[in-house]
Amino acid sequence: MYNSIIERRNVNDGRHSVVLEIPADEYNKIYDRYSDEIASEILQNHLENRGDDGRPSDVHIQHQNNSTVVRISANIDYLGNDHTEFRGHWEA
């Protein structure tokens, strides 16, 4: 699934945001529901795989019935953060 993610980033007045687009069929092979908690886990894993130490906030997942794409949107903070430690939703 991670190899199929399309990432779109935007910076507006110094605020970073990201949208990940994932094929719905690949998402559904792994997950059986859509939740912001799962979206946060996917985004954190994606950032870790890229070596990106940004801290995501306001993470939301979007999927409409009959859509072939799952979208995860978030803000990313880079100022004043230490190295980010990643955890799965089962460790919360």
PDB file of N, CA and C in Angstrom:
ATOM      1  N   MET A   1       0.825  -1.190   0.000  1.00  0.00           N
ATOM      2  CA  MET A   1       0.000   0.000   0.000  1.00  0.00           C
ATOM      3  C   MET A   1       0.869   1.254   0.000  1.00  0.00           C
ATOM      4  N   TYR A   2       1.944   1.254   0.808  1.00  0.00           N
ATOM      5  CA  TYR A   2       2.763   2.462   0.941  1.00  0.00           C
ATOM      6  C   TYR A   2       3.439   2.850  -0.372  1.00  0.00           C
ATOM      7  N   ASN A   3       3.714   1.866  -1.225  1.00  0.00           N
ATOM      8  CA  ASN A   3       4.328   2.181  -2.512  1.00  0.00           C
ATOM      9  C   ASN A   3       3.347   2.828  -3.479  1.00  0.00           C
ATOM     10  N   SER A   4       2.063   2.753  -3.189  1.00  0.00           N
ATOM     11  CA  SER A   4       1.040   3.317  -4.073  1.00  0.00           C
ATOM     12  C   SER A   4       0.539   4.681  -3.621  1.00  0.00           C
ATOM     13  N   ILE A   5       1.084   5.212  -2.540  1.00  0.00           N
ATOM     14  CA  ILE A   5       0.626   6.499  -2.015  1.00  0.00           C
ATOM     15  C   ILE A   5       1.115   7.640  -2.898  1.00  0.00           C
ATOM     16  N   ILE A   6       0.204   8.518  -3.232  1.00  0.00           N
ATOM     17  CA  ILE A   6       0.552   9.778  -3.902  1.00  0.00           C
ATOM     18  C   ILE A   6       0.481  10.865  -2.842  1.00  0.00           C
ATOM     19  N   GLU A   7       1.561  11.608  -2.711  1.00  0.00           N
ATOM     20  CA  GLU A   7       1.656  12.646  -1.682  1.00  0.00           C
ATOM     21  C   GLU A   7       1.614  14.019  -2.329  1.00  0.00           C
ATOM     22  N   ARG A   8       0.784  14.878  -1.784  1.00  0.00           N
ATOM     23  CA  ARG A   8       0.710  16.271  -2.235  1.00  0.00           C
ATOM     24  C   ARG A   8       0.942  17.159  -1.020  1.00  0.00           C
ATOM     25  N   ARG A   9       1.884  18.088  -1.165  1.00  0.00           N
ATOM     26  CA  ARG A   9       2.205  19.002  -0.058  1.00  0.00           C
ATOM     27  C   ARG A   9       1.945  20.430  -0.479  1.00  0.00           C
ATOM     28  N   ASN A  10       1.656  21.256   0.537  1.00  0.00           N
ATOM     29  CA  ASN A  10       1.410  22.665   0.303  1.00  0.00           C
ATOM     30  C   ASN A  10       1.977  23.446   1.486  1.00  0.00           C
ATOM     31  N   VAL A  11       2.555  24.607   1.193  1.00  0.00           N
ATOM     32  CA  VAL A  11       3.018  25.509   2.245  1.00  0.00           C
ATOM     33  C   VAL A  11       2.338  26.843   2.002  1.00  0.00           C
ATOM     34  N   ASN A  12       1.609  27.324   3.014  1.00  0.00           N
ATOM     35  CA  ASN A  12       0.892  28.586   2.902  1.00  0.00           C
ATOM     36  C   ASN A  12       1.189  29.405   4.155  1.00  0.00           C
ATOM     37  N   ASP A  13       1.854  30.527   3.993  1.00  0.00           N
ATOM     38  CA  ASP A  13       2.248  31.379   5.120  1.00  0.00           C
ATOM     39  C   ASP A  13       3.033  30.604   6.175  1.00  0.00           C
ATOM     40  N   GLY A  14       3.918  29.714   5.722  1.00  0.00           N
ATOM     41  CA  GLY A  14       4.758  28.952   6.629  1.00  0.00           C
ATOM     42  C   GLY A  14       4.103  27.735   7.250  1.00  0.00           C
ATOM     43  N   ARG A  15       2.843  27.505   6.936  1.00  0.00           N
ATOM     44  CA  ARG A  15       2.127  26.328   7.459  1.00  0.00           C
ATOM     45  C   ARG A  15       2.165  25.223   6.417  1.00  0.00           C
ATOM     46  N   HIS A  16       2.644  24.073   6.834  1.00  0.00           N
ATOM     47  CA  HIS A  16       2.760  22.922   5.940  1.00  0.00           C
ATOM     48  C   HIS A  16       1.514  22.051   6.058  1.00  0.00           C
ATOM     49  N   SER A  17       1.038  21.578   4.923  1.00  0.00           N
ATOM     50  CA  SER A  17      -0.064  20.616   4.929  1.00  0.00           C
ATOM     51  C   SER A  17       0.248  19.523   3.918  1.00  0.00           C
ATOM     52  N   VAL A  18      -0.371  18.379   4.107  1.00  0.00           N
ATOM     53  CA  VAL A  18      -0.134  17.235   3.237  1.00  0.00           C
ATOM     54  C   VAL A  18      -1.455  16.518   2.992  1.00  0.00           C
ATOM     55  N   VAL A  19      -1.577  15.949   1.800  1.00  0.00           N
ATOM     56  CA  VAL A  19      -2.687  15.060   1.462  1.00  0.00           C
ATOM     57  C   VAL A  19      -2.075  13.798   0.873  1.00  0.00           C
ATOM     58  N   LEU A  20      -2.433  12.659   1.445  1.00  0.00           N
ATOM     59  CA  LEU A  20      -2.025  11.371   0.899  1.00  0.00           C
ATOM     60  C   LEU A  20      -3.221  10.770   0.188  1.00  0.00           C
ATOM     61  N   GLU A  21      -2.989  10.278  -1.021  1.00  0.00           N
ATOM     62  CA  GLU A  21      -4.042   9.599  -1.775  1.00  0.00           C
ATOM     63  C   GLU A  21      -3.646   8.138  -1.922  1.00  0.00           C
ATOM     64  N   ILE A  22      -4.546   7.254  -1.489  1.00  0.00           N
ATOM     65  CA  ILE A  22      -4.287   5.820  -1.479  1.00  0.00           C
ATOM     66  C   ILE A  22      -5.392   5.127  -2.261  1.00  0.00           C
ATOM     67  N   PRO A  23      -5.047   4.193  -3.156  1.00  0.00           N
ATOM     68  CA  PRO A  23      -6.102   3.438  -3.836  1.00  0.00           C
ATOM     69  C   PRO A  23      -6.981   2.717  -2.805  1.00  0.00           C
ATOM     70  N   ALA A  24      -8.285   2.888  -2.923  1.00  0.00           N
ATOM     71  CA  ALA A  24      -9.217   2.324  -1.944  1.00  0.00           C
ATOM     72  C   ALA A  24      -9.105   0.805  -1.862  1.00  0.00           C
ATOM     73  N   ASP A  25      -8.889   0.132  -2.985  1.00  0.00           N
ATOM     74  CA  ASP A  25      -8.799  -1.327  -2.937  1.00  0.00           C
ATOM     75  C   ASP A  25      -7.582  -1.788  -2.138  1.00  0.00           C
ATOM     76  N   GLU A  26      -6.472  -1.059  -2.211  1.00  0.00           N
ATOM     77  CA  GLU A  26      -5.290  -1.423  -1.427  1.00  0.00           C
ATOM     78  C   GLU A  26      -5.504  -1.115   0.054  1.00  0.00           C
ATOM     79  N   TYR A  27      -6.124   0.003   0.350  1.00  0.00           N
ATOM     80  CA  TYR A  27      -6.444   0.350   1.738  1.00  0.00           C
ATOM     81  C   TYR A  27      -7.326  -0.739   2.351  1.00  0.00           C
ATOM     82  N   ASN A  28      -8.340  -1.160   1.607  1.00  0.00           N
ATOM     83  CA  ASN A  28      -9.313  -2.128   2.120  1.00  0.00           C
ATOM     84  C   ASN A  28      -8.747  -3.538   2.259  1.00  0.00           C
ATOM     85  N   LYS A  29      -7.612  -3.827   1.645  1.00  0.00           N
ATOM     86  CA  LYS A  29      -6.949  -5.117   1.856  1.00  0.00           C
ATOM     87  C   LYS A  29      -6.381  -5.216   3.273  1.00  0.00           C
ATOM     88  N   ILE A  30      -6.077  -4.061   3.874  1.00  0.00           N
ATOM     89  CA  ILE A  30      -5.434  -4.026   5.188  1.00  0.00           C
ATOM     90  C   ILE A  30      -6.411  -3.613   6.285  1.00  0.00           C
ATOM     91  N   TYR A  31      -7.249  -2.628   6.002  1.00  0.00           N
ATOM     92  CA  TYR A  31      -8.142  -2.055   7.017  1.00  0.00           C
ATOM     93  C   TYR A  31      -9.596  -2.320   6.653  1.00  0.00           C
ATOM     94  N   ASP A  32     -10.423  -2.510   7.694  1.00  0.00           N
ATOM     95  CA  ASP A  32     -11.841  -2.796   7.458  1.00  0.00           C
ATOM     96  C   ASP A  32     -12.752  -1.627   7.821  1.00  0.00           C
ATOM     97  N   ARG A  33     -12.154  -0.486   8.161  1.00  0.00           N
ATOM     98  CA  ARG A  33     -12.948   0.706   8.481  1.00  0.00           C
ATOM     99  C   ARG A  33     -12.115   1.946   8.176  1.00  0.00           C
ATOM    100  N   TYR A  34     -12.784   3.087   8.195  1.00  0.00           N
ATOM    101  CA  TYR A  34     -12.126   4.375   7.957  1.00  0.00           C
ATOM    102  C   TYR A  34     -12.196   5.178   9.249  1.00  0.00           C
ATOM    103  N   SER A  35     -11.043   5.533   9.790  1.00  0.00           N
ATOM    104  CA  SER A  35     -11.036   6.333  11.010  1.00  0.00           C
ATOM    105  C   SER A  35      -9.832   7.262  10.996  1.00  0.00           C
ATOM    106  N   ASP A  36      -9.970   8.374  11.695  1.00  0.00           N
ATOM    107  CA  ASP A  36      -8.858   9.322  11.799  1.00  0.00           C
ATOM    108  C   ASP A  36      -7.686   8.702  12.555  1.00  0.00           C
ATOM    109  N   GLU A  37      -7.972   7.780  13.466  1.00  0.00           N
ATOM    110  CA  GLU A  37      -6.912   7.094  14.209  1.00  0.00           C
ATOM    111  C   GLU A  37      -6.046   6.254  13.261  1.00  0.00           C
ATOM    112  N   ILE A  38      -6.674   5.500  12.380  1.00  0.00           N
ATOM    113  CA  ILE A  38      -5.936   4.715  11.393  1.00  0.00           C
ATOM    114  C   ILE A  38      -5.213   5.647  10.436  1.00  0.00           C
ATOM    115  N   ALA A  39      -5.869   6.727  10.029  1.00  0.00           N
ATOM    116  CA  ALA A  39      -5.234   7.699   9.131  1.00  0.00           C
ATOM    117  C   ALA A  39      -3.965   8.260   9.755  1.00  0.00           C
ATOM    118  N   SER A  40      -4.011   8.545  11.041  1.00  0.00           N
ATOM    119  CA  SER A  40      -2.845   9.065  11.743  1.00  0.00           C
ATOM    120  C   SER A  40      -1.706   8.048  11.732  1.00  0.00           C
ATOM    121  N   GLU A  41      -2.039   6.790  11.944  1.00  0.00           N
ATOM    122  CA  GLU A  41      -1.029   5.727  11.907  1.00  0.00           C
ATOM    123  C   GLU A  41      -0.395   5.628  10.517  1.00  0.00           C
ATOM    124  N   ILE A  42      -1.215   5.644   9.479  1.00  0.00           N
ATOM    125  CA  ILE A  42      -0.699   5.563   8.110  1.00  0.00           C
ATOM    126  C   ILE A  42       0.210   6.742   7.819  1.00  0.00           C
ATOM    127  N   LEU A  43      -0.225   7.938   8.186  1.00  0.00           N
ATOM    128  CA  LEU A  43       0.576   9.133   7.936  1.00  0.00           C
ATOM    129  C   LEU A  43       1.894   9.073   8.699  1.00  0.00           C
ATOM    130  N   GLN A  44       1.861   8.671   9.963  1.00  0.00           N
ATOM    131  CA  GLN A  44       3.095   8.576  10.744  1.00  0.00           C
ATOM    132  C   GLN A  44       4.054   7.559  10.136  1.00  0.00           C
ATOM    133  N   ASN A  45       3.545   6.409   9.707  1.00  0.00           N
ATOM    134  CA  ASN A  45       4.395   5.410   9.051  1.00  0.00           C
ATOM    135  C   ASN A  45       4.973   5.952   7.755  1.00  0.00           C
ATOM    136  N   HIS A  46       4.159   6.667   6.994  1.00  0.00           N
ATOM    137  CA  HIS A  46       4.620   7.259   5.740  1.00  0.00           C
ATOM    138  C   HIS A  46       5.747   8.259   5.998  1.00  0.00           C
ATOM    139  N   LEU A  47       5.568   9.124   6.985  1.00  0.00           N
ATOM    140  CA  LEU A  47       6.605  10.103   7.317  1.00  0.00           C
ATOM    141  C   LEU A  47       7.881   9.406   7.777  1.00  0.00           C
ATOM    142  N   GLU A  48       7.736   8.379   8.599  1.00  0.00           N
ATOM    143  CA  GLU A  48       8.905   7.642   9.079  1.00  0.00           C
ATOM    144  C   GLU A  48       9.648   6.984   7.914  1.00  0.00           C
ATOM    145  N   ASN A  49       8.916   6.374   6.994  1.00  0.00           N
ATOM    146  CA  ASN A  49       9.539   5.740   5.826  1.00  0.00           C
ATOM    147  C   ASN A  49      10.309   6.738   4.981  1.00  0.00           C
ATOM    148  N   ARG A  50       9.881   7.990   4.976  1.00  0.00           N
ATOM    149  CA  ARG A  50      10.553   9.039   4.208  1.00  0.00           C
ATOM    150  C   ARG A  50      11.668   9.724   5.002  1.00  0.00           C
ATOM    151  N   GLY A  51      11.820   9.369   6.273  1.00  0.00           N
ATOM    152  CA  GLY A  51      12.810  10.039   7.111  1.00  0.00           C
ATOM    153  C   GLY A  51      12.404  11.462   7.446  1.00  0.00           C
ATOM    154  N   ASP A  52      11.118  11.721   7.457  1.00  0.00           N
ATOM    155  CA  ASP A  52      10.556  13.051   7.696  1.00  0.00           C
ATOM    156  C   ASP A  52      10.161  13.155   9.166  1.00  0.00           C
ATOM    157  N   ASP A  53      10.745  14.111   9.899  1.00  0.00           N
ATOM    158  CA  ASP A  53      10.451  14.206  11.331  1.00  0.00           C
ATOM    159  C   ASP A  53       9.378  15.240  11.662  1.00  0.00           C
ATOM    160  N   GLY A  54       8.582  15.621  10.681  1.00  0.00           N
ATOM    161  CA  GLY A  54       7.467  16.522  10.945  1.00  0.00           C
ATOM    162  C   GLY A  54       6.443  15.864  11.852  1.00  0.00           C
ATOM    163  N   ARG A  55       5.733  16.698  12.605  1.00  0.00           N
ATOM    164  CA  ARG A  55       4.688  16.200  13.506  1.00  0.00           C
ATOM    165  C   ARG A  55       3.314  16.522  12.923  1.00  0.00           C
ATOM    166  N   PRO A  56       2.539  15.499  12.612  1.00  0.00           N
ATOM    167  CA  PRO A  56       1.215  15.740  12.040  1.00  0.00           C
ATOM    168  C   PRO A  56       0.195  16.157  13.098  1.00  0.00           C
ATOM    169  N   SER A  57      -0.757  16.980  12.669  1.00  0.00           N
ATOM    170  CA  SER A  57      -1.895  17.358  13.507  1.00  0.00           C
ATOM    171  C   SER A  57      -3.114  17.501  12.607  1.00  0.00           C
ATOM    172  N   ASP A  58      -4.275  17.531  13.214  1.00  0.00           N
ATOM    173  CA  ASP A  58      -5.536  17.664  12.464  1.00  0.00           C
ATOM    174  C   ASP A  58      -5.624  16.633  11.336  1.00  0.00           C
ATOM    175  N   VAL A  59      -5.348  15.382  11.666  1.00  0.00           N
ATOM    176  CA  VAL A  59      -5.356  14.299  10.675  1.00  0.00           C
ATOM    177  C   VAL A  59      -6.793  13.842  10.454  1.00  0.00           C
ATOM    178  N   HIS A  60      -7.191  13.793   9.190  1.00  0.00           N
ATOM    179  CA  HIS A  60      -8.549  13.377   8.832  1.00  0.00           C
ATOM    180  C   HIS A  60      -8.505  12.461   7.623  1.00  0.00           C
ATOM    181  N   ILE A  61      -9.424  11.518   7.604  1.00  0.00           N
ATOM    182  CA  ILE A  61      -9.545  10.605   6.476  1.00  0.00           C
ATOM    183  C   ILE A  61     -10.833  10.920   5.730  1.00  0.00           C
ATOM    184  N   GLN A  62     -10.780  10.797   4.412  1.00  0.00           N
ATOM    185  CA  GLN A  62     -11.950  11.059   3.575  1.00  0.00           C
ATOM    186  C   GLN A  62     -12.111   9.909   2.592  1.00  0.00           C
ATOM    187  N   HIS A  63     -13.297   9.332   2.570  1.00  0.00           N
ATOM    188  CA  HIS A  63     -13.618   8.321   1.567  1.00  0.00           C
ATOM    189  C   HIS A  63     -15.113   8.349   1.333  1.00  0.00           C
ATOM    190  N   GLN A  64     -15.484   8.498   0.088  1.00  0.00           N
ATOM    191  CA  GLN A  64     -16.898   8.494  -0.264  1.00  0.00           C
ATOM    192  C   GLN A  64     -17.228   7.154  -0.900  1.00  0.00           C
ATOM    193  N   ASN A  65     -18.457   6.691  -0.685  1.00  0.00           N
ATOM    194  CA  ASN A  65     -18.882   5.438  -1.313  1.00  0.00           C
ATOM    195  C   ASN A  65     -18.657   5.515  -2.810  1.00  0.00           C
ATOM    196  N   ASN A  66     -18.252   4.414  -3.379  1.00  0.00           N
ATOM    197  CA  ASN A  66     -17.983   4.279  -4.812  1.00  0.00           C
ATOM    198  C   ASN A  66     -16.744   5.037  -5.268  1.00  0.00           C
ATOM    199  N   SER A  67     -15.988   5.625  -4.355  1.00  0.00           N
ATOM    200  CA  SER A  67     -14.750   6.309  -4.716  1.00  0.00           C
ATOM    201  C   SER A  67     -13.616   5.293  -4.763  1.00  0.00           C
ATOM    202  N   THR A  68     -12.679   5.503  -5.663  1.00  0.00           N
ATOM    203  CA  THR A  68     -11.536   4.602  -5.787  1.00  0.00           C
ATOM    204  C   THR A  68     -10.319   5.104  -5.022  1.00  0.00           C
ATOM    205  N   VAL A  69     -10.472   6.235  -4.315  1.00  0.00           N
ATOM    206  CA  VAL A  69      -9.345   6.846  -3.612  1.00  0.00           C
ATOM    207  C   VAL A  69      -9.730   7.160  -2.167  1.00  0.00           C
ATOM    208  N   VAL A  70      -8.796   6.878  -1.258  1.00  0.00           N
ATOM    209  CA  VAL A  70      -8.908   7.286   0.142  1.00  0.00           C
ATOM    210  C   VAL A  70      -7.940   8.444   0.324  1.00  0.00           C
ATOM    211  N   ARG A  71      -8.410   9.528   0.910  1.00  0.00           N
ATOM    212  CA  ARG A  71      -7.555  10.701   1.123  1.00  0.00           C
ATOM    213  C   ARG A  71      -7.342  10.923   2.613  1.00  0.00           C
ATOM    214  N   ILE A  72      -6.084  11.172   2.959  1.00  0.00           N
ATOM    215  CA  ILE A  72      -5.718  11.516   4.329  1.00  0.00           C
ATOM    216  C   ILE A  72      -5.110  12.903   4.284  1.00  0.00           C
ATOM    217  N   SER A  73      -5.668  13.821   5.056  1.00  0.00           N
ATOM    218  CA  SER A  73      -5.157  15.194   5.077  1.00  0.00           C
ATOM    219  C   SER A  73      -4.689  15.535   6.485  1.00  0.00           C
ATOM    220  N   ALA A  74      -3.676  16.406   6.557  1.00  0.00           N
ATOM    221  CA  ALA A  74      -3.132  16.800   7.860  1.00  0.00           C
ATOM    222  C   ALA A  74      -2.285  18.048   7.716  1.00  0.00           C
ATOM    223  N   ASN A  75      -2.065  18.691   8.847  1.00  0.00           N
ATOM    224  CA  ASN A  75      -1.065  19.751   8.945  1.00  0.00           C
ATOM    225  C   ASN A  75       0.208  19.106   9.473  1.00  0.00           C
ATOM    226  N   ILE A  76       1.362  19.628   9.061  1.00  0.00           N
ATOM    227  CA  ILE A  76       2.651  19.101   9.502  1.00  0.00           C
ATOM    228  C   ILE A  76       3.438  20.240  10.133  1.00  0.00           C
ATOM    229  N   ASP A  77       3.902  20.018  11.363  1.00  0.00           N
ATOM    230  CA  ASP A  77       4.673  21.031  12.087  1.00  0.00           C
ATOM    231  C   ASP A  77       6.141  20.631  12.109  1.00  0.00           C
ATOM    232  N   TYR A  78       7.010  21.571  11.742  1.00  0.00           N
ATOM    233  CA  TYR A  78       8.448  21.331  11.737  1.00  0.00           C
ATOM    234  C   TYR A  78       9.192  22.211  12.726  1.00  0.00           C
ATOM    235  N   LEU A  79       8.565  23.207  13.302  1.00  0.00           N
ATOM    236  CA  LEU A  79       9.269  24.156  14.160  1.00  0.00           C
ATOM    237  C   LEU A  79       9.287  23.684  15.605  1.00  0.00           C
ATOM    238  N   GLY A  80      10.467  23.699  16.206  1.00  0.00           N
ATOM    239  CA  GLY A  80      10.598  23.419  17.626  1.00  0.00           C
ATOM    240  C   GLY A  80      10.327  21.988  18.031  1.00  0.00           C
ATOM    241  N   ASN A  81      10.445  21.048  17.111  1.00  0.00           N
ATOM    242  CA  ASN A  81      10.199  19.668  17.511  1.00  0.00           C
ATOM    243  C   ASN A  81      11.505  18.885  17.578  1.00  0.00           C
ATOM    244  N   ASP A  82      11.529  17.927  18.485  1.00  0.00           N
ATOM    245  CA  ASP A  82      12.626  16.978  18.557  1.00  0.00           C
ATOM    246  C   ASP A  82      12.300  15.852  17.594  1.00  0.00           C
ATOM    247  N   HIS A  83      13.185  14.879  17.522  1.00  0.00           N
ATOM    248  CA  HIS A  83      12.916  13.739  16.651  1.00  0.00           C
ATOM    249  C   HIS A  83      11.606  13.083  17.072  1.00  0.00           C
ATOM    250  N   THR A  84      10.743  12.835  16.124  1.00  0.00           N
ATOM    251  CA  THR A  84       9.431  12.264  16.394  1.00  0.00           C
ATOM    252  C   THR A  84       9.546  10.759  16.619  1.00  0.00           C
ATOM    253  N   GLU A  85       8.881  10.256  17.652  1.00  0.00           N
ATOM    254  CA  GLU A  85       8.850   8.824  17.925  1.00  0.00           C
ATOM    255  C   GLU A  85       7.517   8.282  17.433  1.00  0.00           C
ATOM    256  N   PHE A  86       7.546   7.234  16.610  1.00  0.00           N
ATOM    257  CA  PHE A  86       6.349   6.717  15.975  1.00  0.00           C
ATOM    258  C   PHE A  86       5.802   5.522  16.751  1.00  0.00           C
ATOM    259  N   ARG A  87       4.454   5.464  16.867  1.00  0.00           N
ATOM    260  CA  ARG A  87       3.768   4.365  17.535  1.00  0.00           C
ATOM    261  C   ARG A  87       2.520   4.015  16.745  1.00  0.00           C
ATOM    262  N   GLY A  88       2.100   2.751  16.852  1.00  0.00           N
ATOM    263  CA  GLY A  88       0.877   2.307  16.208  1.00  0.00           C
ATOM    264  C   GLY A  88      -0.343   2.601  17.062  1.00  0.00           C
ATOM    265  N   HIS A  89      -1.533   2.538  16.463  1.00  0.00           N
ATOM    266  CA  HIS A  89      -2.767   2.850  17.195  1.00  0.00           C
ATOM    267  C   HIS A  89      -3.018   1.866  18.342  1.00  0.00           C
ATOM    268  N   TRP A  90      -2.444   0.675  18.272  1.00  0.00           N
ATOM    269  CA  TRP A  90      -2.625  -0.314  19.318  1.00  0.00           C
ATOM    270  C   TRP A  90      -1.782  -0.009  20.559  1.00  0.00           C
ATOM    271  N   GLU A  91      -0.842   0.937  20.478  1.00  0.00           N
ATOM    272  CA  GLU A  91       0.026   1.266  21.598  1.00  0.00           C
ATOM    273  C   GLU A  91      -0.464   2.468  22.400  1.00  0.00           C
ATOM    274  N   ALA A  92      -1.539   3.075  21.979  1.00  0.00           N
ATOM    275  CA  ALA A  92      -2.020   4.291  22.656  1.00  0.00           C
ATOM    276  C   ALA A  92      -2.567   4.009  24.027  1.00  0.00           C
TER     277      ALA A  92
END
